[in-house]
Amino acid sequence: MKKLTEYLSSLQFCLWLLIILIGWFTWASMLAATGHSDTFAQMNNHLLLNWLSISCQKAPLICFWLFGLCAVMTALGINLIFCTWNKILKMAAKHMNRSAMLMLMIHLLFGLVILGHLGSLIFGFRHSNIRLQQGGSFEFESGYRVTADQIHFVNDFAVLTKPMKALTSEEFSFGSNFVQISVYRNDRFLKSERLYFLKPFILDNIQFTLRSFTPPVSTGKTAQNQPSAGTILFISKNPVKSLVFGLFPLMIIGITAYLIMTWKQPGLLNPISKSAGGNTK
């Protein structure tokens, strides 16, 4: 049992897992390039449990890839817990120097960031591909409702037949095209805001994102009786987003500070080096 716990907390186990993780993501890139890109996009547009109930049976290979990824990340979490408990915590208690305490803090922050990412895949909600015409509304959780008050599109509607990624700044005016939305809760007006590409609007921890425009239909008219483009919105709520975005910079700062403190000073690294190296033989 002692040898098992030593291996689970070893740097060697961590390195093997990272190698597998790199290979696993490389495989995902190959799958996306060979006809599975839409399935990965759907996975990104839904919470994990919702995606499993909708698409897992339709895409068993991608489902297998996802379960494999979860297995590798679980193993990394086990390595983090054992390493922190068996090595870093004991080292920090024994030496009580700044480098040891900083390394302990980095490990704890990393664990919290991983838990935060896991929470973002499970909690909250995501509504993708919400198609609205001017004046249209969409109702979602907790009595919220969003209305497309104005869809302002200044370019030729013909460009909307192209993928958004293929549009150039000459064809599509990124700074002029917008959607004016109003948000209500239980029929009480909360706020109105313009949505531009890459400029989402956040209210009550709910993010409203302009995904694309759609060609006009006969029912969508402007005040001048001209056809109006439609829009596709993405609405999501991630209750742990603020936690992850707050802790991640702290972790990067901690790693940078640790590298500066221990740069060309092998004596400060001895407790960690010996502790990790002793279990990799």
Protein backbone atom coordinates (compact mmCIF):
# COMPACT_ATOMS: atom_id res chain seq x y z
CA MET A 1 0.00 0.00 0.00
CA LYS A 2 2.87 2.36 0.82
CA LYS A 3 4.45 1.80 -2.61
CA LEU A 4 1.10 2.47 -4.26
CA THR A 5 0.58 5.77 -2.45
CA GLU A 6 4.16 6.77 -3.23
CA TYR A 7 3.63 6.07 -6.93
CA LEU A 8 0.29 7.90 -7.00
CA SER A 9 2.01 10.97 -5.55
CA SER A 10 5.10 10.71 -7.74
CA LEU A 11 6.26 13.02 -10.48
CA GLN A 12 6.65 9.99 -12.74
CA PHE A 13 2.91 9.22 -12.51
CA CYS A 14 2.11 12.86 -13.22
CA LEU A 15 4.35 12.96 -16.29
CA TRP A 16 2.81 9.81 -17.74
CA LEU A 17 -0.67 11.28 -17.28
CA LEU A 18 0.37 14.52 -19.00
CA ILE A 19 1.78 12.56 -21.94
CA ILE A 20 -1.50 10.64 -22.23
CA LEU A 21 -3.44 13.91 -21.98
CA ILE A 22 -1.46 15.46 -24.83
CA GLY A 23 -2.10 12.38 -26.96
CA TRP A 24 -5.79 12.40 -26.04
CA PHE A 25 -6.21 16.03 -27.18
CA THR A 26 -4.23 15.27 -30.34
CA TRP A 27 -6.71 12.50 -31.06
CA ALA A 28 -9.56 14.99 -30.49
CA SER A 29 -8.03 17.30 -33.10
CA MET A 30 -7.88 14.43 -35.57
CA LEU A 31 -11.51 13.49 -34.85
CA ALA A 32 -12.61 17.09 -35.35
CA ALA A 33 -10.76 17.24 -38.67
CA THR A 34 -12.39 14.02 -39.91
CA GLY A 35 -16.06 14.91 -39.60
CA HIS A 36 -16.74 15.23 -35.86
CA SER A 37 -16.32 19.00 -35.48
CA ASP A 38 -20.10 19.56 -35.16
CA THR A 39 -20.29 17.02 -32.33
CA PHE A 40 -17.52 18.79 -30.43
CA ALA A 41 -19.28 22.11 -31.05
CA GLN A 42 -22.50 20.68 -29.60
CA MET A 43 -20.55 19.50 -26.57
CA ASN A 44 -19.30 23.05 -26.05
CA ASN A 45 -22.83 24.44 -26.38
CA HIS A 46 -24.41 22.20 -23.73
CA LEU A 47 -23.79 21.29 -20.14
CA LEU A 48 -22.10 17.92 -19.75
CA LEU A 49 -25.13 15.98 -18.49
CA ASN A 50 -27.40 17.51 -21.14
CA TRP A 51 -24.97 16.63 -23.91
CA LEU A 52 -24.70 13.04 -22.69
CA SER A 53 -28.48 12.64 -22.75
CA ILE A 54 -28.77 14.20 -26.22
CA SER A 55 -25.74 13.12 -28.22
CA CYS A 56 -23.92 10.29 -26.48
CA GLN A 57 -25.81 7.49 -28.24
CA LYS A 58 -25.50 9.29 -31.59
CA ALA A 59 -21.73 9.73 -31.24
CA PRO A 60 -20.33 6.76 -29.25
CA LEU A 61 -16.74 7.44 -30.36
CA ILE A 62 -16.83 11.03 -29.04
CA CYS A 63 -18.55 9.77 -25.91
CA PHE A 64 -15.68 7.29 -25.40
CA TRP A 65 -13.20 10.12 -25.89
CA LEU A 66 -15.01 12.21 -23.27
CA PHE A 67 -15.05 9.40 -20.69
CA GLY A 68 -11.35 8.82 -21.35
CA LEU A 69 -10.64 12.50 -20.78
CA CYS A 70 -12.59 12.39 -17.51
CA ALA A 71 -10.60 9.32 -16.44
CA VAL A 72 -7.24 11.02 -17.11
CA MET A 73 -8.33 14.20 -15.31
CA THR A 74 -9.54 12.13 -12.34
CA ALA A 75 -6.16 10.42 -12.20
CA LEU A 76 -4.45 13.82 -12.27
CA GLY A 77 -6.68 14.90 -9.41
CA ILE A 78 -5.67 11.81 -7.44
CA ASN A 79 -2.01 12.58 -8.13
CA LEU A 80 -2.55 16.17 -6.96
CA ILE A 81 -4.21 15.07 -3.71
CA PHE A 82 -1.58 12.43 -2.86
CA CYS A 83 1.32 14.69 -3.85
CA THR A 84 -0.04 17.57 -1.78
CA TRP A 85 -0.72 15.37 1.26
CA ASN A 86 2.35 13.13 1.18
CA LYS A 87 4.95 15.62 0.00
CA ILE A 88 4.09 19.28 -0.27
CA LEU A 89 2.17 19.58 3.01
CA LYS A 90 4.85 17.70 4.97
CA MET A 91 7.60 19.70 3.30
CA ALA A 92 5.88 22.99 4.13
CA ALA A 93 5.36 21.95 7.76
CA LYS A 94 8.98 20.83 8.09
CA HIS A 95 10.83 23.68 6.40
CA MET A 96 8.39 26.57 6.84
CA ASN A 97 10.21 28.66 4.22
CA ARG A 98 8.65 30.89 1.58
CA SER A 99 9.30 28.56 -1.35
CA ALA A 100 7.71 25.59 0.41
CA MET A 101 4.63 27.58 1.47
CA LEU A 102 4.31 29.06 -2.00
CA MET A 103 4.45 25.61 -3.60
CA LEU A 104 1.69 24.46 -1.24
CA MET A 105 -0.42 27.45 -2.22
CA ILE A 106 0.10 26.74 -5.93
CA HIS A 107 -1.05 23.14 -5.51
CA LEU A 108 -4.15 24.21 -3.59
CA LEU A 109 -5.03 26.87 -6.17
CA PHE A 110 -4.56 24.39 -9.00
CA GLY A 111 -6.95 21.97 -7.29
CA LEU A 112 -9.57 24.69 -6.87
CA VAL A 113 -9.22 25.75 -10.53
CA ILE A 114 -9.77 22.15 -11.68
CA LEU A 115 -12.84 21.84 -9.43
CA GLY A 116 -14.09 25.14 -10.84
CA HIS A 117 -13.78 23.88 -14.41
CA LEU A 118 -15.63 20.72 -13.45
CA GLY A 119 -18.39 22.82 -11.90
CA SER A 120 -18.68 24.91 -15.05
CA LEU A 121 -19.45 21.72 -17.01
CA ILE A 122 -22.22 20.64 -14.64
CA PHE A 123 -23.86 23.66 -13.00
CA GLY A 124 -25.75 26.62 -14.45
CA PHE A 125 -27.29 26.50 -17.92
CA ARG A 126 -26.50 27.04 -21.59
CA HIS A 127 -28.91 27.93 -24.39
CA SER A 128 -27.25 27.88 -27.80
CA ASN A 129 -28.56 28.81 -31.24
CA ILE A 130 -31.42 30.98 -29.99
CA ARG A 131 -32.89 32.31 -33.24
CA LEU A 132 -34.78 35.58 -32.95
CA GLN A 133 -36.27 38.04 -35.38
CA GLN A 134 -36.62 41.72 -34.49
CA GLY A 135 -39.19 41.98 -31.71
CA GLY A 136 -38.92 38.28 -30.83
CA SER A 137 -38.39 36.99 -27.29
CA PHE A 138 -36.94 33.96 -25.55
CA GLU A 139 -37.82 32.85 -22.01
CA PHE A 140 -35.46 30.80 -19.88
CA GLU A 141 -34.69 29.82 -16.28
CA SER A 142 -35.89 31.75 -13.20
CA GLY A 143 -38.43 33.84 -15.10
CA TYR A 144 -35.92 35.64 -17.32
CA ARG A 145 -36.83 36.81 -20.81
CA VAL A 146 -34.69 38.43 -23.49
CA THR A 147 -36.15 40.46 -26.36
CA ALA A 148 -34.41 41.48 -29.59
CA ASP A 149 -35.58 45.11 -29.76
CA GLN A 150 -33.45 46.06 -32.76
CA ILE A 151 -31.29 44.10 -35.17
CA HIS A 152 -28.98 46.57 -36.87
CA PHE A 153 -27.26 45.08 -39.89
CA VAL A 154 -25.65 47.46 -42.41
CA ASN A 155 -24.04 45.08 -44.90
CA ASP A 156 -25.36 43.16 -47.88
CA PHE A 157 -27.57 40.29 -46.73
CA ALA A 158 -25.80 38.05 -49.24
CA VAL A 159 -22.77 37.77 -46.96
CA LEU A 160 -24.92 35.93 -44.41
CA THR A 161 -24.81 32.86 -46.63
CA LYS A 162 -21.11 32.53 -45.74
CA PRO A 163 -19.75 31.13 -42.45
CA MET A 164 -19.01 33.92 -39.98
CA LYS A 165 -15.38 32.81 -39.71
CA ALA A 166 -14.95 33.36 -43.45
CA LEU A 167 -16.13 36.99 -43.45
CA THR A 168 -13.62 39.80 -43.82
CA SER A 169 -13.83 43.30 -42.35
CA GLU A 170 -14.63 44.61 -45.84
CA GLU A 171 -17.67 42.35 -46.14
CA PHE A 172 -18.85 42.59 -42.55
CA SER A 173 -18.80 45.75 -40.39
CA PHE A 174 -17.96 44.29 -36.99
CA GLY A 175 -18.18 47.67 -35.30
CA SER A 176 -21.52 48.67 -36.82
CA ASN A 177 -23.62 45.52 -36.75
CA PHE A 178 -25.30 44.92 -33.41
CA VAL A 179 -28.39 43.58 -31.69
CA GLN A 180 -30.18 45.73 -29.12
CA ILE A 181 -31.63 43.46 -26.43
CA SER A 182 -33.76 44.04 -23.35
CA VAL A 183 -33.76 41.68 -20.39
CA TYR A 184 -36.77 41.12 -18.15
CA ARG A 185 -37.41 39.00 -15.10
CA ASN A 186 -40.98 38.09 -14.21
CA ASP A 187 -42.05 40.78 -16.72
CA ARG A 188 -40.03 43.43 -14.86
CA PHE A 189 -37.60 45.35 -17.04
CA LEU A 190 -33.98 44.97 -15.91
CA LYS A 191 -31.68 46.45 -18.54
CA SER A 192 -31.17 47.13 -22.23
CA GLU A 193 -27.83 46.66 -23.99
CA ARG A 194 -26.24 46.35 -27.42
CA LEU A 195 -24.53 43.11 -28.37
CA TYR A 196 -21.57 43.19 -30.75
CA PHE A 197 -19.35 40.35 -31.87
CA LEU A 198 -16.81 39.43 -29.17
CA LYS A 199 -18.52 41.89 -26.79
CA PRO A 200 -20.97 39.89 -24.67
CA PHE A 201 -23.25 41.43 -22.05
CA ILE A 202 -23.36 40.03 -18.51
CA LEU A 203 -26.26 40.60 -16.12
CA ASP A 204 -26.90 38.69 -12.88
CA ASN A 205 -24.04 36.35 -13.83
CA ILE A 206 -25.88 35.51 -17.08
CA GLN A 207 -23.89 36.08 -20.27
CA PHE A 208 -25.64 37.13 -23.49
CA THR A 209 -23.48 36.60 -26.57
CA LEU A 210 -24.13 37.54 -30.19
CA ARG A 211 -23.27 34.45 -32.21
CA SER A 212 -24.30 35.45 -35.73
CA PHE A 213 -26.91 37.07 -37.97
CA THR A 214 -29.37 35.26 -40.24
CA PRO A 215 -30.93 36.34 -43.56
CA PRO A 216 -34.22 38.23 -43.28
CA VAL A 217 -37.62 36.60 -43.49
CA SER A 218 -40.91 38.14 -44.53
CA THR A 219 -42.07 38.64 -40.93
CA GLY A 220 -39.03 40.63 -39.89
CA LYS A 221 -39.54 44.28 -40.92
CA THR A 222 -37.98 47.52 -39.78
CA ALA A 223 -39.89 50.72 -39.09
CA GLN A 224 -39.33 51.68 -42.75
CA ASN A 225 -40.94 48.38 -43.82
CA GLN A 226 -37.56 47.07 -44.94
CA PRO A 227 -36.56 43.44 -44.29
CA SER A 228 -34.56 42.97 -41.12
CA ALA A 229 -31.89 40.37 -40.51
CA GLY A 230 -32.40 37.82 -37.79
CA THR A 231 -29.95 36.91 -35.07
CA ILE A 232 -28.61 33.90 -33.19
CA LEU A 233 -27.82 34.39 -29.50
CA PHE A 234 -26.03 32.26 -26.94
CA ILE A 235 -27.17 32.57 -23.31
CA SER A 236 -25.26 30.92 -20.49
CA LYS A 237 -24.82 31.06 -16.75
CA ASN A 238 -21.73 29.69 -15.05
CA PRO A 239 -21.97 30.14 -11.26
CA VAL A 240 -18.28 29.28 -10.73
CA LYS A 241 -16.91 31.41 -13.56
CA SER A 242 -15.88 34.26 -11.26
CA LEU A 243 -14.10 31.80 -8.96
CA VAL A 244 -12.11 30.23 -11.80
CA PHE A 245 -11.19 33.56 -13.42
CA GLY A 246 -10.18 34.93 -10.03
CA LEU A 247 -8.04 31.97 -8.94
CA PHE A 248 -6.33 31.26 -12.27
CA PRO A 249 -4.35 34.54 -12.36
CA LEU A 250 -3.36 33.98 -8.72
CA MET A 251 -2.03 30.54 -9.66
CA ILE A 252 -0.02 31.98 -12.57
CA ILE A 253 1.36 34.72 -10.32
CA GLY A 254 2.30 32.11 -7.72
CA ILE A 255 4.11 29.95 -10.28
CA THR A 256 5.96 32.99 -11.63
CA ALA A 257 6.94 34.08 -8.13
CA TYR A 258 8.14 30.57 -7.31
CA LEU A 259 10.30 30.43 -10.45
CA ILE A 260 11.83 33.82 -9.62
CA MET A 261 12.53 32.80 -6.02
CA THR A 262 14.15 29.49 -6.97
CA TRP A 263 15.91 30.54 -10.19
CA LYS A 264 19.53 29.37 -10.08
CA GLN A 265 19.13 28.53 -6.40
CA PRO A 266 19.06 24.72 -6.29
CA GLY A 267 19.18 24.75 -2.50
CA LEU A 268 15.61 26.04 -2.38
CA LEU A 269 14.50 23.23 -4.67
CA ASN A 270 16.17 20.44 -2.74
CA PRO A 271 13.17 19.54 -0.55
CA ILE A 272 10.92 19.18 -3.60
CA SER A 273 13.52 17.56 -5.84
CA LYS A 274 14.40 14.92 -3.28
CA SER A 275 10.79 14.33 -2.42
CA ALA A 276 9.76 13.87 -6.06
CA GLY A 277 12.89 12.11 -7.24
CA GLY A 278 12.83 9.53 -4.47
CA ASN A 279 9.59 8.07 -5.80
CA THR A 280 10.47 7.99 -9.46
CA LYS A 281 13.14 5.35 -9.20
